[in-house]
Amino acid sequence: MYGPATLHALLAFAAPDHILYGSDFPMLPEDWGTDFDTALDAYPNWEPGRLRAIDRGNAELLVPRLARTPVT
């Protein structure tokens, strides 16, 4: 489940630098993932740069070789 209430609760519980993007692809239909991405992008309370960190930046800090992998 996702949406503004869920994201608000998650951000109240976990420090933003401890949140990583994840999906259930390929186990769920692609359009479900697209809907989730749209909800993340539309969340109105992101601090500057926070969405980029959750999408990729926090993972790059945990696994540095990801920082050298081009985003496709």
C-alpha atoms as a PDB file:
ATOM      1  CA  MET A   1       0.000   0.000   0.000  1.00  0.00           C
ATOM      2  CA  TYR A   2       1.234   3.463  -0.771  1.00  0.00           C
ATOM      3  CA  GLY A   3       0.091   7.021  -0.685  1.00  0.00           C
ATOM      4  CA  PRO A   4       0.542  10.258   1.246  1.00  0.00           C
ATOM      5  CA  ALA A   5      -0.621   8.784   4.579  1.00  0.00           C
ATOM      6  CA  THR A   6       1.699   5.802   4.262  1.00  0.00           C
ATOM      7  CA  LEU A   7       4.677   7.945   3.310  1.00  0.00           C
ATOM      8  CA  HIS A   8       3.949  10.376   6.126  1.00  0.00           C
ATOM      9  CA  ALA A   9       3.877   7.486   8.627  1.00  0.00           C
ATOM     10  CA  LEU A  10       7.098   6.013   7.242  1.00  0.00           C
ATOM     11  CA  LEU A  11       8.899   9.356   7.409  1.00  0.00           C
ATOM     12  CA  ALA A  12       7.696   9.819  11.006  1.00  0.00           C
ATOM     13  CA  PHE A  13       9.134   6.412  11.901  1.00  0.00           C
ATOM     14  CA  ALA A  14      12.372   6.183   9.908  1.00  0.00           C
ATOM     15  CA  ALA A  15      15.060   8.738   9.191  1.00  0.00           C
ATOM     16  CA  PRO A  16      14.899   9.676   5.488  1.00  0.00           C
ATOM     17  CA  ASP A  17      18.476   8.497   4.964  1.00  0.00           C
ATOM     18  CA  HIS A  18      17.363   5.011   6.082  1.00  0.00           C
ATOM     19  CA  ILE A  19      14.689   4.655   3.385  1.00  0.00           C
ATOM     20  CA  LEU A  20      15.387   2.898   0.094  1.00  0.00           C
ATOM     21  CA  TYR A  21      13.156   2.533  -2.935  1.00  0.00           C
ATOM     22  CA  GLY A  22      11.973  -0.986  -3.599  1.00  0.00           C
ATOM     23  CA  SER A  23       9.409  -2.648  -5.773  1.00  0.00           C
ATOM     24  CA  ASP A  24       7.836  -6.040  -6.289  1.00  0.00           C
ATOM     25  CA  PHE A  25       8.761  -6.091  -9.975  1.00  0.00           C
ATOM     26  CA  PRO A  26       8.609  -8.564 -11.744  1.00  0.00           C
ATOM     27  CA  MET A  27       6.133 -10.288  -9.416  1.00  0.00           C
ATOM     28  CA  LEU A  28       3.451  -7.619  -9.872  1.00  0.00           C
ATOM     29  CA  PRO A  29       2.169  -6.014 -13.064  1.00  0.00           C
ATOM     30  CA  GLU A  30       4.271  -3.149 -14.402  1.00  0.00           C
ATOM     31  CA  ASP A  31       1.406  -0.663 -14.119  1.00  0.00           C
ATOM     32  CA  TRP A  32       1.300  -1.220 -10.340  1.00  0.00           C
ATOM     33  CA  GLY A  33       4.933  -0.132 -10.149  1.00  0.00           C
ATOM     34  CA  THR A  34       4.204   2.846 -12.365  1.00  0.00           C
ATOM     35  CA  ASP A  35       1.359   3.867 -10.055  1.00  0.00           C
ATOM     36  CA  PHE A  36       3.695   3.597  -7.059  1.00  0.00           C
ATOM     37  CA  ASP A  37       6.347   5.722  -8.801  1.00  0.00           C
ATOM     38  CA  THR A  38       3.727   8.341  -9.658  1.00  0.00           C
ATOM     39  CA  ALA A  39       2.583   8.472  -6.017  1.00  0.00           C
ATOM     40  CA  LEU A  40       6.172   8.927  -4.815  1.00  0.00           C
ATOM     41  CA  ASP A  41       6.794  11.707  -7.320  1.00  0.00           C
ATOM     42  CA  ALA A  42       3.540  13.458  -6.386  1.00  0.00           C
ATOM     43  CA  TYR A  43       4.087  13.369  -2.606  1.00  0.00           C
ATOM     44  CA  PRO A  44       3.875  17.068  -1.646  1.00  0.00           C
ATOM     45  CA  ASN A  45       6.155  17.052   1.418  1.00  0.00           C
ATOM     46  CA  TRP A  46       9.528  16.038  -0.017  1.00  0.00           C
ATOM     47  CA  GLU A  47      12.456  18.088   1.209  1.00  0.00           C
ATOM     48  CA  PRO A  48      14.792  19.168  -1.617  1.00  0.00           C
ATOM     49  CA  GLY A  49      16.859  16.218  -2.830  1.00  0.00           C
ATOM     50  CA  ARG A  50      15.055  13.688  -0.624  1.00  0.00           C
ATOM     51  CA  LEU A  51      13.262  11.821  -3.413  1.00  0.00           C
ATOM     52  CA  ARG A  52      16.538  11.410  -5.330  1.00  0.00           C
ATOM     53  CA  ALA A  53      18.146  10.011  -2.172  1.00  0.00           C
ATOM     54  CA  ILE A  54      15.353   7.494  -1.644  1.00  0.00           C
ATOM     55  CA  ASP A  55      15.281   6.543  -5.332  1.00  0.00           C
ATOM     56  CA  ARG A  56      19.019   5.895  -5.562  1.00  0.00           C
ATOM     57  CA  GLY A  57      21.321   8.008  -3.398  1.00  0.00           C
ATOM     58  CA  ASN A  58      20.842   6.115  -0.127  1.00  0.00           C
ATOM     59  CA  ALA A  59      21.522   2.807  -1.900  1.00  0.00           C
ATOM     60  CA  GLU A  60      24.696   4.269  -3.438  1.00  0.00           C
ATOM     61  CA  LEU A  61      25.956   5.050   0.064  1.00  0.00           C
ATOM     62  CA  LEU A  62      25.371   1.451   1.162  1.00  0.00           C
ATOM     63  CA  VAL A  63      26.709  -0.131  -2.044  1.00  0.00           C
ATOM     64  CA  PRO A  64      29.287   2.281  -3.519  1.00  0.00           C
ATOM     65  CA  ARG A  65      29.641   0.415  -6.825  1.00  0.00           C
ATOM     66  CA  LEU A  66      26.069   1.515  -7.628  1.00  0.00           C
ATOM     67  CA  ALA A  67      27.317   5.102  -7.781  1.00  0.00           C
ATOM     68  CA  ARG A  68      29.506   4.117 -10.707  1.00  0.00           C
ATOM     69  CA  THR A  69      26.675   2.370 -12.570  1.00  0.00           C
ATOM     70  CA  PRO A  70      24.938   4.592 -15.128  1.00  0.00           C
ATOM     71  CA  VAL A  71      21.219   5.145 -14.571  1.00  0.00           C
ATOM     72  CA  THR A  72      19.211   3.834 -17.512  1.00  0.00           C
END
